[in-house]
């Protein structure tokens, strides 16, 4: 195949999103006759999308040099700017700064000072956003968009619009920000934006949906990202993040096995060349394991997520709280909230309420719940409204206002039910049961707990089941003879079924020492001395299956 044929085939493969084929043919053409700058840029982009970062840098560097040799300053500035952004993407800020400085110098060397400077404004806007200076960020992004429109540069318009949407959300203007992001997504899904900025926009928009608690938009744009990735089957870049977003939605809607599969796929894709997907993949693995009661696997995943430099919160703090390490959990969540930007801090508030209540600090929990309610007034998304009511109802129970707690918990349950989020809906029924019990309505409390138990069992939410059973009616209730607690009855049933202490611990998600303590209490209450005697007692009283 001659160089001209290889070049044509490579360009066609690139246009059809067949990145591996594009590289094979374009590289063959380049070996035969040194490729032009524009074709080197195609090679660089295809390499980035396949997760071949070093090759992408090498080819784009050659493209930059070729543009300079041709006297094409526009192309040289653009390629230098994209090299800088590639290094920002992997966290190499020194190299990024060097390439931005080169691009800046080339802009200043231009006699007409054209719109190429717009790309150089994007990192300045992002820096202002990271510093929490929303007004400065907005001004920088607006200026970038103005330059982009003058140059009719769809990529820069999309990146500037993305920055403005992120700024609006950070400043609490969620509705404006999401509407702006919708406009950017229209350009991306219409194919007006090139592959790398398209991938950036997809992933960042989904992150913004999380920050704004907009489940509907998250579902819609995750489906769009799925389609975009499916049309590029050999693409590695952005695919880890795509699977992580899918995992999060699966988990939210009760498809936990699918969530685990998607999180594992995200981890595998991230390891192959999607560095920005590593944190999300590992964090989602941790969340699935945490909710299923696989504490060691959850801790390992959260720790791996933390090594990326991002906070594995609130997942790790919730895990430690569920293990009874309340002081550690509280320290983690408070420190994380102080370090995070305002948009991310909002996502910690509901977990902060839960952790503070578990630690017995009702006053601080009330403060966090009230802060969450203020956020709900400013951005009344259905998911946020459900979180507000759920957090408030849990605090009201702790404060002893059971009637108000019952009303709030039922509003929260209805919100989660409408959003099709079964786990949180079931947790609201547990809060409602506690409120009913506080009002002396044991029959309604039992019905609420039975409904919650069925959901937890279906999901495989072992820690939630264990916590639910630990809160069953007190010793001496009619269903538990001779003063046995609900948990002790469960242990007795398993003893009668022939389970060892280790088997009971695994079945009920307890430690071996806890099972030993329950057995000691059972023997003392029933006046028994052996497991065989306990088994006989269980059969006599209809407690054995």
Protein backbone atom coordinates (compact mmCIF):
# COMPACT_ATOMS: atom_id res chain seq x y z
CA UNK A 1 0.00 0.00 0.00
CA UNK A 2 1.50 3.37 -1.01
CA UNK A 3 1.65 6.38 1.28
CA UNK A 4 -1.25 8.17 -0.42
CA UNK A 5 -3.56 5.16 -0.03
CA UNK A 6 -2.52 4.66 3.60
CA UNK A 7 -3.15 8.34 4.31
CA UNK A 8 -6.64 8.23 2.78
CA UNK A 9 -7.50 5.04 4.68
CA UNK A 10 -6.23 6.55 7.92
CA UNK A 11 -8.29 9.71 7.52
CA UNK A 12 -11.42 7.69 6.73
CA UNK A 13 -10.84 5.42 9.75
CA UNK A 14 -10.45 8.50 11.96
CA UNK A 15 -13.70 10.00 10.69
CA UNK A 16 -15.44 6.69 11.44
CA UNK A 17 -14.05 6.61 15.02
CA UNK A 18 -11.90 3.53 14.31
CA UNK A 19 -8.96 4.86 16.26
CA UNK A 20 -6.70 1.80 16.14
CA UNK A 21 -7.12 1.48 12.35
CA UNK A 22 -6.53 5.20 11.95
CA UNK A 23 -3.23 4.97 13.81
CA UNK A 24 -2.07 1.93 11.84
CA UNK A 25 -2.69 3.58 8.46
CA UNK A 26 -1.59 7.12 9.35
CA UNK A 27 1.57 5.79 10.97
CA UNK A 28 2.32 3.75 7.85
CA UNK A 29 1.86 6.88 5.71
CA UNK A 30 4.10 8.85 8.07
CA UNK A 31 6.86 6.25 7.79
CA UNK A 32 6.75 6.44 4.01
CA UNK A 33 6.54 10.22 3.78
CA UNK A 34 6.63 12.49 6.81
CA UNK A 35 3.02 13.34 7.64
CA UNK A 36 1.66 16.86 7.48
CA UNK A 37 0.93 18.70 10.73
CA UNK A 38 -2.85 18.16 10.50
CA UNK A 39 -2.41 14.40 10.05
CA UNK A 40 0.00 14.28 12.99
CA UNK A 41 -2.74 15.90 15.06
CA UNK A 42 -5.12 13.13 14.00
CA UNK A 43 -2.53 10.57 15.12
CA UNK A 44 -2.12 12.38 18.44
CA UNK A 45 -5.86 12.52 19.11
CA UNK A 46 -6.38 8.86 18.21
CA UNK A 47 -3.52 7.88 20.53
CA UNK A 48 -5.01 9.87 23.43
CA UNK A 49 -8.40 8.22 22.89
CA UNK A 50 -6.74 4.77 22.99
CA UNK A 51 -5.04 5.61 26.26
CA UNK A 52 -1.59 5.91 24.66
CA UNK A 53 -0.66 9.15 26.39
CA UNK A 54 3.08 9.21 25.60
CA UNK A 55 2.47 8.51 21.89
CA UNK A 56 -0.15 11.24 21.84
CA UNK A 57 2.31 13.74 23.33
CA UNK A 58 5.04 12.74 20.86
CA UNK A 59 2.79 13.11 17.81
CA UNK A 60 1.26 16.39 18.94
CA UNK A 61 4.72 17.78 19.68
CA UNK A 62 5.73 16.89 16.10
CA UNK A 63 2.53 18.54 14.85
CA UNK A 64 3.43 21.71 16.78
CA UNK A 65 6.90 21.76 15.25
CA UNK A 66 5.48 21.11 11.76
CA UNK A 67 3.05 24.02 12.12
CA UNK A 68 5.93 26.29 13.13
CA UNK A 69 7.99 25.12 10.15
CA UNK A 70 5.04 25.87 7.86
CA UNK A 71 4.62 29.33 9.38
CA UNK A 72 1.13 28.39 10.62
CA UNK A 73 1.02 30.15 13.99
CA UNK A 74 -2.69 29.36 14.47
CA UNK A 75 -1.96 25.65 14.27
CA UNK A 76 1.16 25.95 16.45
CA UNK A 77 -0.75 27.81 19.17
CA UNK A 78 -3.63 25.35 19.08
CA UNK A 79 -1.36 22.30 19.29
CA UNK A 80 0.66 23.84 22.14
CA UNK A 81 -2.55 24.61 24.03
CA UNK A 82 -3.82 21.05 23.63
CA UNK A 83 -0.48 19.65 24.77
CA UNK A 84 -0.79 21.78 27.89
CA UNK A 85 -4.32 20.51 28.52
CA UNK A 86 -3.19 16.90 28.03
CA UNK A 87 -0.63 17.38 30.79
CA UNK A 88 -3.22 19.05 33.03
CA UNK A 89 -5.44 15.99 32.46
CA UNK A 90 -2.79 13.67 33.97
CA UNK A 91 -1.76 16.10 36.70
CA UNK A 92 1.66 17.06 35.28
CA UNK A 93 1.33 20.79 35.97
CA UNK A 94 4.98 21.64 35.32
CA UNK A 95 4.84 20.38 31.73
CA UNK A 96 1.41 21.95 31.31
CA UNK A 97 2.74 25.31 32.47
CA UNK A 98 5.61 25.13 30.02
CA UNK A 99 3.36 24.50 27.04
CA UNK A 100 0.90 27.18 28.10
CA UNK A 101 3.81 29.62 28.37
CA UNK A 102 4.95 28.70 24.85
CA UNK A 103 1.43 29.18 23.48
CA UNK A 104 1.18 32.53 25.28
CA UNK A 105 4.46 33.69 23.73
CA UNK A 106 3.29 32.71 20.25
CA UNK A 107 0.05 34.64 20.74
CA UNK A 108 2.04 37.72 21.70
CA UNK A 109 4.23 37.26 18.62
CA UNK A 110 1.22 37.49 16.33
CA UNK A 111 0.90 40.91 14.72
CA UNK A 112 -2.88 40.76 14.56
CA UNK A 113 -3.52 39.17 18.01
CA UNK A 114 -6.25 36.86 16.79
CA UNK A 115 -8.66 34.75 18.84
CA UNK A 116 -6.22 31.92 19.57
CA UNK A 117 -5.72 33.37 23.04
CA UNK A 118 -9.09 31.93 24.01
CA UNK A 119 -7.67 28.47 24.70
CA UNK A 120 -5.20 30.00 27.13
CA UNK A 121 -8.04 31.46 29.18
CA UNK A 122 -9.51 28.05 30.01
CA UNK A 123 -6.85 27.10 32.63
CA UNK A 124 -7.15 30.59 34.16
CA UNK A 125 -10.91 30.11 34.51
CA UNK A 126 -10.44 26.65 36.02
CA UNK A 127 -7.91 28.04 38.51
CA UNK A 128 -10.40 30.71 39.61
CA UNK A 129 -13.07 28.04 39.94
CA UNK A 130 -10.78 25.89 42.10
CA UNK A 131 -10.08 28.93 44.31
CA UNK A 132 -13.82 29.46 44.81
CA UNK A 133 -13.76 32.80 42.99
CA UNK A 134 -16.87 32.33 40.90
CA UNK A 135 -17.15 35.90 39.67
CA UNK A 136 -13.59 35.92 38.29
CA UNK A 137 -14.10 32.46 36.76
CA UNK A 138 -17.28 33.58 35.02
CA UNK A 139 -15.57 36.66 33.58
CA UNK A 140 -12.68 34.58 32.22
CA UNK A 141 -14.95 31.96 30.65
CA UNK A 142 -17.16 34.65 29.09
CA UNK A 143 -14.10 36.22 27.52
CA UNK A 144 -12.96 32.83 26.19
CA UNK A 145 -16.37 32.24 24.62
CA UNK A 146 -16.30 35.66 22.99
CA UNK A 147 -12.95 34.89 21.37
CA UNK A 148 -14.16 31.43 20.39
CA UNK A 149 -17.23 32.79 18.64
CA UNK A 150 -15.09 35.29 16.75
CA UNK A 151 -12.93 32.39 15.57
CA UNK A 152 -15.94 30.03 15.10
CA UNK A 153 -14.15 27.44 17.22
CA UNK A 154 -16.76 24.90 18.41
CA UNK A 155 -14.30 23.16 20.76
CA UNK A 156 -13.46 26.34 22.62
CA UNK A 157 -17.12 27.43 22.74
CA UNK A 158 -17.97 24.08 24.36
CA UNK A 159 -15.16 24.27 26.93
CA UNK A 160 -16.03 27.86 27.82
CA UNK A 161 -19.72 26.98 28.17
CA UNK A 162 -18.80 24.03 30.37
CA UNK A 163 -16.78 26.34 32.61
CA UNK A 164 -19.65 28.82 32.88
CA UNK A 165 -22.11 26.05 33.79
CA UNK A 166 -19.75 24.75 36.47
CA UNK A 167 -19.37 28.27 37.83
CA UNK A 168 -23.14 28.81 38.06
CA UNK A 169 -23.56 25.56 39.98
CA UNK A 170 -20.72 26.42 42.36
CA UNK A 171 -22.38 29.79 43.05
CA UNK A 172 -25.71 28.10 43.83
CA UNK A 173 -27.37 28.98 40.53
CA UNK A 174 -28.03 25.35 39.66
CA UNK A 175 -30.95 25.92 37.28
CA UNK A 176 -28.96 28.44 35.21
CA UNK A 177 -25.88 26.26 35.23
CA UNK A 178 -27.68 23.10 34.16
CA UNK A 179 -29.52 24.92 31.38
CA UNK A 180 -26.18 26.21 30.10
CA UNK A 181 -24.71 22.70 30.23
CA UNK A 182 -27.69 21.36 28.27
CA UNK A 183 -26.83 23.82 25.51
CA UNK A 184 -23.22 22.60 25.48
CA UNK A 185 -24.38 18.99 25.36
CA UNK A 186 -26.55 19.72 22.31
CA UNK A 187 -23.43 20.76 20.41
CA UNK A 188 -21.55 17.68 21.60
CA UNK A 189 -24.28 15.17 20.74
CA UNK A 190 -24.74 16.83 17.34
CA UNK A 191 -21.10 16.03 16.54
CA UNK A 192 -20.03 19.68 16.33
CA UNK A 193 -17.25 19.20 18.91
CA UNK A 194 -14.10 17.12 18.37
CA UNK A 195 -13.57 13.86 20.33
CA UNK A 196 -11.32 14.93 23.21
CA UNK A 197 -13.31 18.02 24.30
CA UNK A 198 -16.50 15.98 23.78
CA UNK A 199 -15.26 13.39 26.28
CA UNK A 200 -14.29 16.12 28.73
CA UNK A 201 -17.74 17.72 28.45
CA UNK A 202 -19.61 14.43 28.90
CA UNK A 203 -17.76 13.49 32.07
CA UNK A 204 -17.80 16.96 33.62
CA UNK A 205 -21.50 17.49 32.89
CA UNK A 206 -22.32 14.24 34.67
CA UNK A 207 -20.24 15.39 37.63
CA UNK A 208 -22.23 18.63 37.65
CA UNK A 209 -25.49 16.66 37.67
CA UNK A 210 -24.23 14.87 40.79
CA UNK A 211 -23.36 18.15 42.47
CA UNK A 212 -26.78 19.57 41.64
CA UNK A 213 -28.60 16.37 42.73
CA UNK A 214 -30.26 16.16 39.31
CA UNK A 215 -30.97 12.45 38.84
CA UNK A 216 -33.08 12.93 35.71
CA UNK A 217 -30.35 14.76 33.82
CA UNK A 218 -27.73 12.31 35.09
CA UNK A 219 -29.73 9.40 33.64
CA UNK A 220 -30.30 11.17 30.33
CA UNK A 221 -26.69 12.23 29.80
CA UNK A 222 -25.30 8.90 31.03
CA UNK A 223 -27.35 7.18 28.32
CA UNK A 224 -25.91 9.67 25.82
CA UNK A 225 -22.38 8.94 27.06
CA UNK A 226 -23.08 5.21 26.74
CA UNK A 227 -24.09 5.70 23.12
CA UNK A 228 -21.08 7.91 22.42
CA UNK A 229 -18.69 5.31 23.87
CA UNK A 230 -20.48 2.44 22.05
CA UNK A 231 -19.89 4.20 18.72
CA UNK A 232 -16.17 4.19 19.57
CA UNK A 233 -15.67 0.62 20.82
CA UNK A 234 -11.87 0.68 20.93
CA UNK A 235 -11.75 3.99 22.82
CA UNK A 236 -10.14 3.84 26.28
CA UNK A 237 -10.06 7.50 27.30
CA UNK A 238 -13.24 8.52 29.16
CA UNK A 239 -14.56 4.93 29.13
CA UNK A 240 -13.57 4.29 32.76
CA UNK A 241 -15.47 7.39 33.82
CA UNK A 242 -18.44 6.28 31.70
CA UNK A 243 -18.67 2.91 33.46
CA UNK A 244 -18.26 4.57 36.86
CA UNK A 245 -21.23 6.85 36.16
CA UNK A 246 -23.25 3.81 35.08
CA UNK A 247 -22.30 2.05 38.32
CA UNK A 248 -23.49 4.99 40.38
CA UNK A 249 -26.89 4.99 38.69
CA UNK A 250 -27.26 1.21 38.98
CA UNK A 251 -26.50 1.45 42.69
CA UNK A 252 -28.94 4.29 43.20
CA UNK A 253 -31.77 2.38 41.52
CA UNK A 254 -31.20 -0.91 43.33
CA UNK A 255 -29.39 -2.93 40.62
CA UNK A 256 -26.44 -3.67 42.89
CA UNK A 257 -25.05 -6.65 40.96
CA UNK A 258 -25.01 -4.52 37.80
CA UNK A 259 -23.41 -1.70 39.79
CA UNK A 260 -20.60 -4.01 40.87
CA UNK A 261 -20.02 -5.23 37.30
CA UNK A 262 -19.94 -1.66 35.98
CA UNK A 263 -17.54 -0.55 38.72
CA UNK A 264 -15.20 -3.44 37.90
CA UNK A 265 -15.36 -2.52 34.20
CA UNK A 266 -14.60 1.09 35.15
CA UNK A 267 -11.52 0.00 37.11
CA UNK A 268 -10.29 -2.16 34.23
CA UNK A 269 -10.79 0.63 31.67
CA UNK A 270 -9.19 3.22 33.93
CA UNK A 271 -6.11 1.04 34.37
CA UNK A 272 -5.79 0.70 30.58
CA UNK A 273 -5.47 4.44 29.98
CA UNK A 274 -8.20 6.58 31.52
CA UNK A 275 -6.35 8.12 34.50
CA UNK A 276 -9.21 10.43 35.45
CA UNK A 277 -11.45 7.39 35.83
CA UNK A 278 -9.34 5.72 38.53
CA UNK A 279 -10.84 7.57 41.48
CA UNK A 280 -14.47 7.18 40.37
CA UNK A 281 -13.97 3.47 39.60
CA UNK A 282 -12.36 2.68 42.95
CA UNK A 283 -14.81 4.83 44.90
CA UNK A 284 -17.81 3.14 43.29
CA UNK A 285 -16.35 -0.29 44.06
CA UNK A 286 -16.03 0.86 47.67
CA UNK A 287 -19.63 2.03 47.80
CA UNK A 288 -21.04 -1.24 46.45
CA UNK A 289 -18.94 -3.27 48.88
CA UNK A 290 -19.89 -0.98 51.78
CA UNK A 291 -23.62 -1.28 51.21
CA UNK A 292 -23.34 -5.06 50.79
CA UNK A 293 -21.44 -5.40 54.05
CA UNK A 294 -18.10 -6.40 52.54
CA UNK A 295 -16.12 -4.17 54.89
CA UNK A 296 -12.56 -5.25 54.05
CA UNK A 297 -13.13 -4.96 50.30
CA UNK A 298 -14.81 -1.58 50.80
CA UNK A 299 -11.93 -0.24 52.90
CA UNK A 300 -9.39 -1.44 50.35
CA UNK A 301 -11.27 0.22 47.47
CA UNK A 302 -11.68 3.50 49.34
CA UNK A 303 -7.99 3.53 50.24
CA UNK A 304 -7.05 2.95 46.59
CA UNK A 305 -9.37 5.80 45.60
CA UNK A 306 -7.71 8.04 48.18
CA UNK A 307 -4.27 7.41 46.67
CA UNK A 308 -5.36 9.38 43.60
CA UNK A 309 -5.33 12.55 45.70
CA UNK A 310 -9.11 12.92 45.96
CA UNK A 311 -11.19 12.44 49.11
CA UNK A 312 -12.89 8.99 49.32
CA UNK A 313 -15.75 10.61 51.21
CA UNK A 314 -18.39 10.25 52.43
CA UNK A 315 -18.02 6.52 51.73
CA UNK A 316 -15.03 5.79 53.97
CA UNK A 317 -16.43 7.80 56.88
CA UNK A 318 -19.79 6.01 56.60
CA UNK A 319 -17.96 2.67 56.59
CA UNK A 320 -16.07 3.52 59.78
CA UNK A 321 -19.28 4.76 61.40
CA UNK A 322 -21.04 1.48 60.57
CA UNK A 323 -18.14 -0.35 62.23
CA UNK A 324 -18.71 1.63 65.43
CA UNK A 325 -15.63 3.87 65.09
CA UNK A 326 -17.68 7.03 65.51
CA UNK A 327 -14.88 9.41 66.54
CA UNK A 328 -12.80 8.47 63.52
CA UNK A 329 -15.78 8.77 61.19
CA UNK A 330 -16.66 12.19 62.55
CA UNK A 331 -13.09 13.47 62.20
CA UNK A 332 -12.96 12.22 58.61
CA UNK A 333 -16.20 13.80 57.43
CA UNK A 334 -15.59 17.14 59.16
CA UNK A 335 -12.05 17.43 57.77
CA UNK A 336 -13.21 16.48 54.27
CA UNK A 337 -15.99 19.09 54.35
CA UNK A 338 -13.49 21.78 55.31
CA UNK A 339 -11.16 20.91 52.44
CA UNK A 340 -13.74 20.54 49.66
CA UNK A 341 -15.13 23.29 47.47
CA UNK A 342 -18.71 24.41 48.22
CA UNK A 343 -20.32 22.28 45.49
CA UNK A 344 -18.69 19.07 46.73
CA UNK A 345 -19.25 19.98 50.39
CA UNK A 346 -23.00 19.97 49.75
CA UNK A 347 -22.84 16.28 48.85
CA UNK A 348 -21.39 15.47 52.27
CA UNK A 349 -24.14 17.04 54.36
CA UNK A 350 -26.60 14.12 54.46
CA UNK A 351 -23.81 11.70 55.38
CA UNK A 352 -22.55 14.20 57.96
CA UNK A 353 -25.96 14.17 59.65
CA UNK A 354 -25.96 10.36 59.74
CA UNK A 355 -22.44 10.16 61.16
CA UNK A 356 -23.03 12.84 63.80
CA UNK A 357 -26.22 11.13 64.97
CA UNK A 358 -24.40 7.80 65.23
CA UNK A 359 -21.77 9.58 67.33
CA UNK A 360 -24.50 10.95 69.61
CA UNK A 361 -23.97 14.62 68.72
CA UNK A 362 -27.56 15.67 68.08
CA UNK A 363 -26.82 19.40 68.26
CA UNK A 364 -24.17 19.25 65.51
CA UNK A 365 -26.41 16.97 63.45
CA UNK A 366 -29.18 19.55 63.67
CA UNK A 367 -26.78 22.19 62.37
CA UNK A 368 -25.83 20.05 59.38
CA UNK A 369 -29.46 19.19 58.66
CA UNK A 370 -30.42 22.88 58.75
CA UNK A 371 -27.56 23.71 56.37
CA UNK A 372 -28.84 21.02 54.02
CA UNK A 373 -32.35 22.46 54.23
CA UNK A 374 -31.08 25.91 53.25
CA UNK A 375 -29.44 24.35 50.21
CA UNK A 376 -32.75 22.66 49.38
CA UNK A 377 -34.52 26.01 49.33
CA UNK A 378 -31.99 27.40 46.86
CA UNK A 379 -32.04 24.33 44.59
CA UNK A 380 -35.29 22.35 45.00
CA UNK A 381 -34.33 19.22 43.04
CA UNK A 382 -36.44 16.14 43.92
CA UNK A 383 -33.40 14.16 45.10
CA UNK A 384 -32.20 17.01 47.28
CA UNK A 385 -35.68 17.47 48.71
CA UNK A 386 -35.79 13.78 49.67
CA UNK A 387 -32.35 14.05 51.30
CA UNK A 388 -33.44 17.13 53.26
CA UNK A 389 -36.58 15.43 54.60
CA UNK A 390 -34.71 12.22 55.42
CA UNK A 391 -31.95 14.02 57.33
CA UNK A 392 -34.47 16.20 59.16
CA UNK A 393 -36.62 13.22 60.15
CA UNK A 394 -33.61 11.37 61.59
CA UNK A 395 -32.64 14.40 63.69
CA UNK A 396 -36.24 14.93 64.84
CA UNK A 397 -36.36 11.36 66.14
CA UNK A 398 -33.14 11.98 68.08
CA UNK A 399 -34.62 15.22 69.43
CA UNK A 400 -37.73 13.35 70.57
CA UNK A 401 -40.19 15.09 68.24
CA UNK A 402 -41.66 11.83 66.92
CA UNK A 403 -44.80 13.26 65.34
CA UNK A 404 -42.85 15.73 63.19
CA UNK A 405 -40.29 12.99 62.44
CA UNK A 406 -43.02 10.66 61.18
CA UNK A 407 -44.39 13.32 58.83
CA UNK A 408 -40.93 14.18 57.47
CA UNK A 409 -39.89 10.54 57.05
CA UNK A 410 -43.01 9.77 55.04
CA UNK A 411 -42.38 12.76 52.77
CA UNK A 412 -38.82 11.55 52.27
CA UNK A 413 -40.03 8.01 51.53
CA UNK A 414 -42.45 9.32 48.91
CA UNK A 415 -39.66 11.33 47.28
CA UNK A 416 -37.31 8.36 47.05
CA UNK A 417 -40.12 6.13 45.82
CA UNK A 418 -40.88 8.56 42.99
CA UNK A 419 -37.19 8.64 42.07
CA UNK A 420 -37.06 4.81 42.16
CA UNK A 421 -34.35 4.69 44.84
CA UNK A 422 -35.33 1.63 46.93
CA UNK A 423 -32.49 1.59 49.46
CA UNK A 424 -33.02 5.15 50.69
CA UNK A 425 -36.78 4.68 50.64
CA UNK A 426 -36.39 1.66 52.92
CA UNK A 427 -34.12 3.62 55.26
CA UNK A 428 -36.86 6.21 55.57
CA UNK A 429 -39.26 3.47 56.66
CA UNK A 430 -36.84 2.53 59.44
CA UNK A 431 -36.90 6.16 60.64
CA UNK A 432 -40.71 6.10 60.42
CA UNK A 433 -40.74 2.93 62.55
CA UNK A 434 -38.66 4.63 65.23
CA UNK A 435 -41.07 7.58 65.18
CA UNK A 436 -44.08 5.27 65.45
CA UNK A 437 -42.50 3.48 68.37
CA UNK A 438 -41.86 6.82 70.05
CA UNK A 439 -45.57 7.56 69.68
CA UNK A 440 -46.48 4.20 71.21
CA UNK A 441 -47.71 2.72 67.91
CA UNK A 442 -45.91 -0.64 67.91
CA UNK A 443 -48.15 -2.18 65.24
CA UNK A 444 -47.32 0.52 62.69
CA UNK A 445 -43.65 0.35 63.67
CA UNK A 446 -43.62 -3.39 62.97
CA UNK A 447 -45.21 -2.87 59.55
CA UNK A 448 -42.67 -0.21 58.61
CA UNK A 449 -39.78 -2.47 59.70
CA UNK A 450 -41.17 -5.45 57.80
CA UNK A 451 -41.37 -3.36 54.63
CA UNK A 452 -37.82 -2.09 55.09
CA UNK A 453 -36.52 -5.58 55.87
CA UNK A 454 -37.94 -6.96 52.61
CA UNK A 455 -36.11 -4.32 50.57
CA UNK A 456 -32.82 -4.79 52.43
CA UNK A 457 -33.01 -8.55 51.97
CA UNK A 458 -33.72 -8.21 48.24
CA UNK A 459 -30.81 -5.81 47.78
CA UNK A 460 -28.40 -7.79 49.93
CA UNK A 461 -27.87 -4.81 52.27
CA UNK A 462 -26.45 -6.78 55.18
CA UNK A 463 -25.30 -3.85 57.35
CA UNK A 464 -28.73 -2.22 57.04
CA UNK A 465 -30.38 -5.51 57.99
CA UNK A 466 -28.07 -5.90 60.99
CA UNK A 467 -28.82 -2.35 62.14
CA UNK A 468 -32.54 -2.92 61.65
CA UNK A 469 -32.54 -6.09 63.71
CA UNK A 470 -30.49 -4.42 66.43
CA UNK A 471 -33.34 -1.94 66.76
CA UNK A 472 -36.15 -4.51 67.15
CA UNK A 473 -38.60 -4.32 70.06
CA UNK A 474 -36.94 -4.52 73.48
CA UNK A 475 -36.52 -7.68 75.52
CA UNK A 476 -39.71 -9.08 76.97
CA UNK A 477 -41.97 -8.23 74.04
CA UNK A 478 -44.66 -10.87 73.39
CA UNK A 479 -42.85 -12.38 70.37
CA UNK A 480 -39.61 -12.91 72.29
CA UNK A 481 -40.07 -15.33 75.24
CA UNK A 482 -38.11 -15.21 78.49
CA UNK A 483 -36.69 -11.77 77.81
CA UNK A 484 -34.75 -12.64 74.67
CA UNK A 485 -34.01 -9.76 72.31
CA UNK A 486 -34.80 -10.01 68.61
CA UNK A 487 -31.14 -10.54 67.81
CA UNK A 488 -30.84 -13.28 70.45
CA UNK A 489 -33.82 -15.09 68.92
CA UNK A 490 -32.08 -15.00 65.55
CA UNK A 491 -28.89 -16.41 67.05
CA UNK A 492 -30.89 -19.12 68.81
CA UNK A 493 -32.61 -20.10 65.56
CA UNK A 494 -29.24 -20.50 63.87
CA UNK A 495 -27.89 -22.55 66.77
CA UNK A 496 -30.90 -24.84 66.39
CA UNK A 497 -30.13 -25.07 62.67
CA UNK A 498 -26.70 -26.45 63.52
CA UNK A 499 -24.66 -23.37 62.60
CA UNK A 500 -21.26 -22.82 64.18
CA UNK A 501 -20.41 -19.51 65.82
CA UNK A 502 -18.44 -18.59 62.69
CA UNK A 503 -21.41 -19.45 60.47
CA UNK A 504 -23.74 -17.37 62.65
CA UNK A 505 -21.33 -14.43 62.48
CA UNK A 506 -21.25 -14.60 58.69
CA UNK A 507 -25.03 -15.00 58.41
CA UNK A 508 -25.84 -12.04 60.64
CA UNK A 509 -22.86 -9.86 59.73
CA UNK A 510 -21.48 -9.91 63.29
CA UNK A 511 -18.05 -10.43 64.77
CA UNK A 512 -17.20 -13.71 66.46
CA UNK A 513 -16.97 -11.95 69.83
CA UNK A 514 -20.46 -10.52 69.40
CA UNK A 515 -21.88 -13.97 68.69
CA UNK A 516 -20.12 -15.31 71.81
CA UNK A 517 -21.71 -12.53 73.86
CA UNK A 518 -25.19 -13.23 72.47
CA UNK A 519 -24.85 -16.94 73.27
CA UNK A 520 -23.70 -16.15 76.81
CA UNK A 521 -26.74 -13.90 77.29
CA UNK A 522 -29.08 -16.58 75.85
CA UNK A 523 -27.72 -19.28 78.17
CA UNK A 524 -27.99 -16.95 81.18
CA UNK A 525 -31.57 -15.83 80.41
CA UNK A 526 -32.80 -19.36 79.71
CA UNK A 527 -30.80 -21.09 82.45
CA UNK A 528 -29.11 -23.38 79.93
CA UNK A 529 -25.59 -24.78 79.75
CA UNK A 530 -25.18 -26.27 76.27
CA UNK A 531 -26.01 -25.75 72.61
CA UNK A 532 -28.05 -28.96 72.57
CA UNK A 533 -30.20 -27.64 75.40
CA UNK A 534 -30.62 -24.36 73.56
CA UNK A 535 -31.65 -26.28 70.44
CA UNK A 536 -34.26 -28.23 72.39
CA UNK A 537 -35.61 -24.99 73.87
CA UNK A 538 -35.91 -23.45 70.37
CA UNK A 539 -37.97 -26.41 69.11
CA UNK A 540 -40.23 -26.44 72.18
CA UNK A 541 -41.05 -22.76 71.78
CA UNK A 542 -41.48 -22.77 68.01
CA UNK A 543 -38.36 -20.70 67.41
CA UNK A 544 -36.59 -23.21 65.16
CA UNK A 545 -37.16 -23.23 61.42
